[in-house]
Amino acid sequence: MVCAKVSVNTDQELSDLMVEAYTRQKQGELSLAIQSWNTLANHPSGDSELKANAHLNLGHLHQQQGNNDLAHESMANAIAANPNSAEAYFCLAYLAQERESFEEAIGYFESALDLNKDDAGAYNNLANCYDRLNKNVEAIENYTKALAIDNKYIAAYYNRGNAYIKIAKEKLAIKDLSKALELDESFYQAYYNRGTVYKQQGRDILAQKDLAKAKSLAQAELEQQE
């Protein structure tokens, strides 16, 4: 009976700590939220799932505070607690991508996608890393995987279109940029890039039309920001 009572008290303590951590996090009290998550992460009665969740939240909070080194450490601790945490691998990948450590980011994205193959955004970001390394074939392959999951993913159409431009597949580039514009008529960068391709093809009327539209939309966006 005593053991049962201790267990109940411990469960209540962990529950209260979690509520406290989430509440402080929601209210923007980041330093206090970090204290609460640290307590949970180091609690002797916490299981691996709870510890992994605590480290994940710590990682997000450290990132919000601009402390990417601590964010990286927390995400690595989340993986140590739960090696099947796709979210932790995703976060490590994004941190590496921000540092422009693209080879490292690719490794993390691939580990994450081994655990969760249905994340279109991860495939798009993985493709972006390959693109930054001028690995156009791999980039196009992963943009295509993103679009297989979400066929209305505007950024993936735009990015794949730009990758096709780099390997001189102009028809495919125009097709993807046109699809991006079909989904978002205000996407001035897509107008500009498509207009540039038209100009390279000698289709001057279409080029002028797209480039003028891009300029008009860009100016309108700047005016809205003033």
Protein backbone atom coordinates (compact mmCIF):
# COMPACT_ATOMS: atom_id res chain seq x y z
CA MET A 1 0.00 0.00 0.00
CA VAL A 2 2.83 2.38 0.81
CA CYS A 3 4.48 1.68 -2.57
CA ALA A 4 1.23 2.36 -4.38
CA LYS A 5 0.83 5.67 -2.57
CA VAL A 6 4.39 6.70 -3.45
CA SER A 7 3.72 5.86 -7.11
CA VAL A 8 0.54 7.91 -7.14
CA ASN A 9 2.33 10.85 -5.55
CA THR A 10 5.17 10.62 -8.07
CA ASP A 11 2.77 10.48 -11.01
CA GLN A 12 0.98 13.54 -9.68
CA GLU A 13 4.27 15.35 -9.22
CA LEU A 14 5.32 14.62 -12.82
CA SER A 15 1.90 15.67 -14.10
CA ASP A 16 2.04 18.94 -12.17
CA LEU A 17 5.53 19.66 -13.47
CA MET A 18 4.44 19.07 -17.04
CA VAL A 19 1.40 21.35 -16.69
CA GLU A 20 3.65 23.99 -15.14
CA ALA A 21 6.20 23.68 -17.97
CA TYR A 22 3.61 23.93 -20.75
CA THR A 23 1.84 26.83 -19.01
CA ARG A 24 5.04 28.85 -18.64
CA GLN A 25 5.98 28.03 -22.22
CA LYS A 26 2.58 29.15 -23.52
CA GLN A 27 2.79 32.38 -21.52
CA GLY A 28 6.19 33.19 -22.99
CA GLU A 29 8.05 32.74 -19.71
CA LEU A 30 10.89 30.95 -21.46
CA SER A 31 13.46 30.90 -18.67
CA LEU A 32 10.96 29.54 -16.15
CA ALA A 33 9.71 27.00 -18.70
CA ILE A 34 13.30 25.85 -19.24
CA GLN A 35 13.68 25.34 -15.48
CA SER A 36 10.52 23.21 -15.39
CA TRP A 37 11.53 21.09 -18.40
CA ASN A 38 15.01 20.61 -16.94
CA THR A 39 13.44 19.32 -13.74
CA LEU A 40 11.37 16.86 -15.75
CA ALA A 41 14.30 15.80 -17.93
CA ASN A 42 16.37 14.99 -14.85
CA HIS A 43 13.60 13.53 -12.70
CA PRO A 44 14.61 10.05 -11.47
CA SER A 45 11.09 8.70 -11.99
CA GLY A 46 10.66 9.96 -15.55
CA ASP A 47 10.49 7.34 -18.30
CA SER A 48 12.29 7.59 -21.64
CA GLU A 49 9.26 9.07 -23.43
CA LEU A 50 8.85 11.83 -20.84
CA LYS A 51 12.58 12.61 -20.88
CA ALA A 52 12.63 12.74 -24.68
CA ASN A 53 9.65 15.10 -24.68
CA ALA A 54 11.30 17.31 -22.06
CA HIS A 55 14.53 17.52 -24.07
CA LEU A 56 12.57 18.30 -27.25
CA ASN A 57 10.82 21.20 -25.57
CA LEU A 58 14.10 22.40 -24.10
CA GLY A 59 15.57 22.36 -27.57
CA HIS A 60 12.73 24.45 -28.99
CA LEU A 61 13.00 26.94 -26.13
CA HIS A 62 16.77 27.29 -26.45
CA GLN A 63 16.30 27.86 -30.17
CA GLN A 64 13.74 30.59 -29.48
CA GLN A 65 16.31 32.24 -27.22
CA GLY A 66 18.90 32.06 -29.99
CA ASN A 67 21.07 29.55 -28.15
CA ASN A 68 21.57 27.00 -30.90
CA ASP A 69 24.38 25.16 -29.12
CA LEU A 70 22.11 24.31 -26.20
CA ALA A 71 19.29 23.55 -28.64
CA HIS A 72 21.55 21.05 -30.42
CA GLU A 73 22.56 19.47 -27.10
CA SER A 74 18.91 19.11 -26.05
CA MET A 75 17.87 17.51 -29.34
CA ALA A 76 20.79 15.07 -29.10
CA ASN A 77 19.64 14.21 -25.56
CA ALA A 78 16.11 13.64 -26.89
CA ILE A 79 17.49 11.11 -29.38
CA ALA A 80 19.53 9.43 -26.63
CA ALA A 81 16.31 9.04 -24.63
CA ASN A 82 14.26 7.98 -27.65
CA PRO A 83 16.22 6.93 -30.78
CA ASN A 84 12.95 6.86 -32.75
CA SER A 85 12.27 10.58 -32.32
CA ALA A 86 11.87 11.81 -35.89
CA GLU A 87 11.11 15.30 -34.58
CA ALA A 88 14.50 15.53 -32.85
CA TYR A 89 16.30 14.52 -36.04
CA PHE A 90 14.28 17.10 -37.99
CA CYS A 91 15.26 19.80 -35.51
CA LEU A 92 18.94 18.86 -35.68
CA ALA A 93 18.70 18.99 -39.46
CA TYR A 94 17.16 22.47 -39.42
CA LEU A 95 19.87 23.69 -37.02
CA ALA A 96 22.58 22.32 -39.30
CA GLN A 97 20.85 23.86 -42.31
CA GLU A 98 20.85 27.26 -40.61
CA ARG A 99 24.61 26.91 -40.04
CA GLU A 100 24.95 26.00 -43.73
CA SER A 101 26.38 22.63 -42.72
CA PHE A 102 24.49 21.00 -45.55
CA GLU A 103 26.17 17.57 -45.51
CA GLU A 104 25.40 17.27 -41.80
CA ALA A 105 21.82 18.45 -42.38
CA ILE A 106 21.34 15.85 -45.11
CA GLY A 107 22.33 13.08 -42.69
CA TYR A 108 19.85 14.26 -40.09
CA PHE A 109 17.03 14.73 -42.61
CA GLU A 110 17.60 11.22 -43.96
CA SER A 111 17.54 9.77 -40.43
CA ALA A 112 14.29 11.63 -39.75
CA LEU A 113 12.73 10.44 -43.00
CA ASP A 114 13.68 6.86 -42.22
CA LEU A 115 11.36 7.24 -39.22
CA ASN A 116 8.66 9.35 -40.89
CA LYS A 117 8.42 9.12 -44.67
CA ASP A 118 5.31 11.31 -44.94
CA ASP A 119 6.84 14.72 -44.21
CA ALA A 120 6.75 16.74 -47.43
CA GLY A 121 8.50 19.67 -45.75
CA ALA A 122 11.44 17.50 -44.74
CA TYR A 123 11.87 16.25 -48.31
CA ASN A 124 11.73 19.84 -49.57
CA ASN A 125 14.37 20.95 -47.07
CA LEU A 126 16.52 17.91 -47.82
CA ALA A 127 16.32 18.85 -51.49
CA ASN A 128 17.31 22.43 -50.63
CA CYS A 129 20.46 21.10 -48.98
CA TYR A 130 21.35 19.09 -52.07
CA ASP A 131 20.63 22.17 -54.17
CA ARG A 132 23.05 24.27 -52.10
CA LEU A 133 25.69 21.61 -52.76
CA ASN A 134 24.93 21.80 -56.50
CA LYS A 135 23.69 18.20 -56.49
CA ASN A 136 20.84 18.95 -58.87
CA VAL A 137 19.75 15.38 -59.60
CA GLU A 138 19.38 14.57 -55.89
CA ALA A 139 17.61 17.87 -55.30
CA ILE A 140 15.07 17.23 -58.05
CA GLU A 141 14.50 13.69 -56.78
CA ASN A 142 13.61 14.92 -53.31
CA TYR A 143 11.46 17.83 -54.50
CA THR A 144 9.56 15.20 -56.48
CA LYS A 145 9.12 13.10 -53.33
CA ALA A 146 7.75 16.15 -51.51
CA LEU A 147 5.23 16.71 -54.31
CA ALA A 148 4.21 13.05 -54.30
CA ILE A 149 3.08 13.61 -50.69
CA ASP A 150 1.58 17.09 -51.24
CA ASN A 151 0.71 17.94 -54.84
CA LYS A 152 -0.14 21.53 -53.88
CA TYR A 153 3.22 22.30 -52.29
CA ILE A 154 3.99 25.63 -53.92
CA ALA A 155 7.57 25.96 -52.66
CA ALA A 156 8.48 22.49 -53.95
CA TYR A 157 7.20 23.32 -57.46
CA TYR A 158 9.11 26.60 -57.41
CA ASN A 159 12.29 25.02 -56.08
CA ARG A 160 12.17 22.12 -58.53
CA GLY A 161 11.57 24.56 -61.36
CA ASN A 162 14.70 26.46 -60.38
CA ALA A 163 16.65 23.20 -60.20
CA TYR A 164 15.51 22.35 -63.73
CA ILE A 165 16.79 25.76 -64.88
CA LYS A 166 20.25 24.87 -63.56
CA ILE A 167 20.41 21.74 -65.71
CA ALA A 168 18.93 23.51 -68.76
CA LYS A 169 15.61 21.63 -68.74
CA GLU A 170 13.67 24.73 -69.64
CA LYS A 171 10.35 23.10 -70.56
CA LEU A 172 10.18 21.31 -67.22
CA ALA A 173 11.22 24.50 -65.43
CA ILE A 174 8.41 26.46 -67.10
CA LYS A 175 5.92 23.71 -66.25
CA ASP A 176 6.83 23.79 -62.54
CA LEU A 177 6.97 27.58 -62.31
CA SER A 178 3.60 27.78 -64.05
CA LYS A 179 2.15 25.29 -61.56
CA ALA A 180 3.48 27.40 -58.67
CA LEU A 181 1.77 30.44 -60.21
CA GLU A 182 -1.45 28.51 -60.72
CA LEU A 183 -1.48 27.87 -56.98
CA ASP A 184 -0.31 31.38 -56.01
CA GLU A 185 -0.87 34.16 -58.54
CA SER A 186 1.02 36.67 -56.39
CA PHE A 187 4.31 34.72 -56.37
CA TYR A 188 6.44 37.38 -58.05
CA GLN A 189 9.69 35.38 -57.82
CA ALA A 190 8.09 32.66 -59.95
CA TYR A 191 7.02 35.23 -62.54
CA TYR A 192 10.55 36.63 -62.60
CA ASN A 193 12.23 33.25 -63.02
CA ARG A 194 9.76 32.07 -65.64
CA GLY A 195 10.22 35.36 -67.49
CA THR A 196 13.98 34.83 -67.41
CA VAL A 197 13.56 31.38 -68.96
CA TYR A 198 11.25 32.78 -71.65
CA LYS A 199 13.89 35.41 -72.42
CA GLN A 200 16.57 32.73 -72.78
CA GLN A 201 14.29 30.94 -75.24
CA GLY A 202 13.81 34.09 -77.27
CA ARG A 203 10.11 34.33 -76.36
CA ASP A 204 10.37 38.04 -75.76
CA ILE A 205 6.66 38.92 -75.49
CA LEU A 206 6.04 36.30 -72.80
CA ALA A 207 9.27 37.29 -71.06
CA GLN A 208 8.35 40.97 -70.95
CA LYS A 209 4.88 40.15 -69.64
CA ASP A 210 6.22 37.97 -66.80
CA LEU A 211 9.01 40.36 -65.85
CA ALA A 212 6.60 43.31 -65.78
CA LYS A 213 4.19 41.30 -63.60
CA ALA A 214 7.03 40.36 -61.23
CA LYS A 215 8.07 43.99 -60.89
CA SER A 216 4.49 45.14 -60.27
CA LEU A 217 3.86 42.50 -57.59
CA ALA A 218 7.21 43.16 -55.88
CA GLN A 219 6.49 46.90 -55.72
CA ALA A 220 3.00 46.26 -54.33
CA GLU A 221 4.46 44.04 -51.61
CA LEU A 222 7.00 46.70 -50.64
CA GLU A 223 4.27 49.33 -50.42
CA GLN A 224 2.23 47.09 -48.11
CA GLN A 225 5.22 46.75 -45.78
CA GLU A 226 5.68 50.52 -45.44
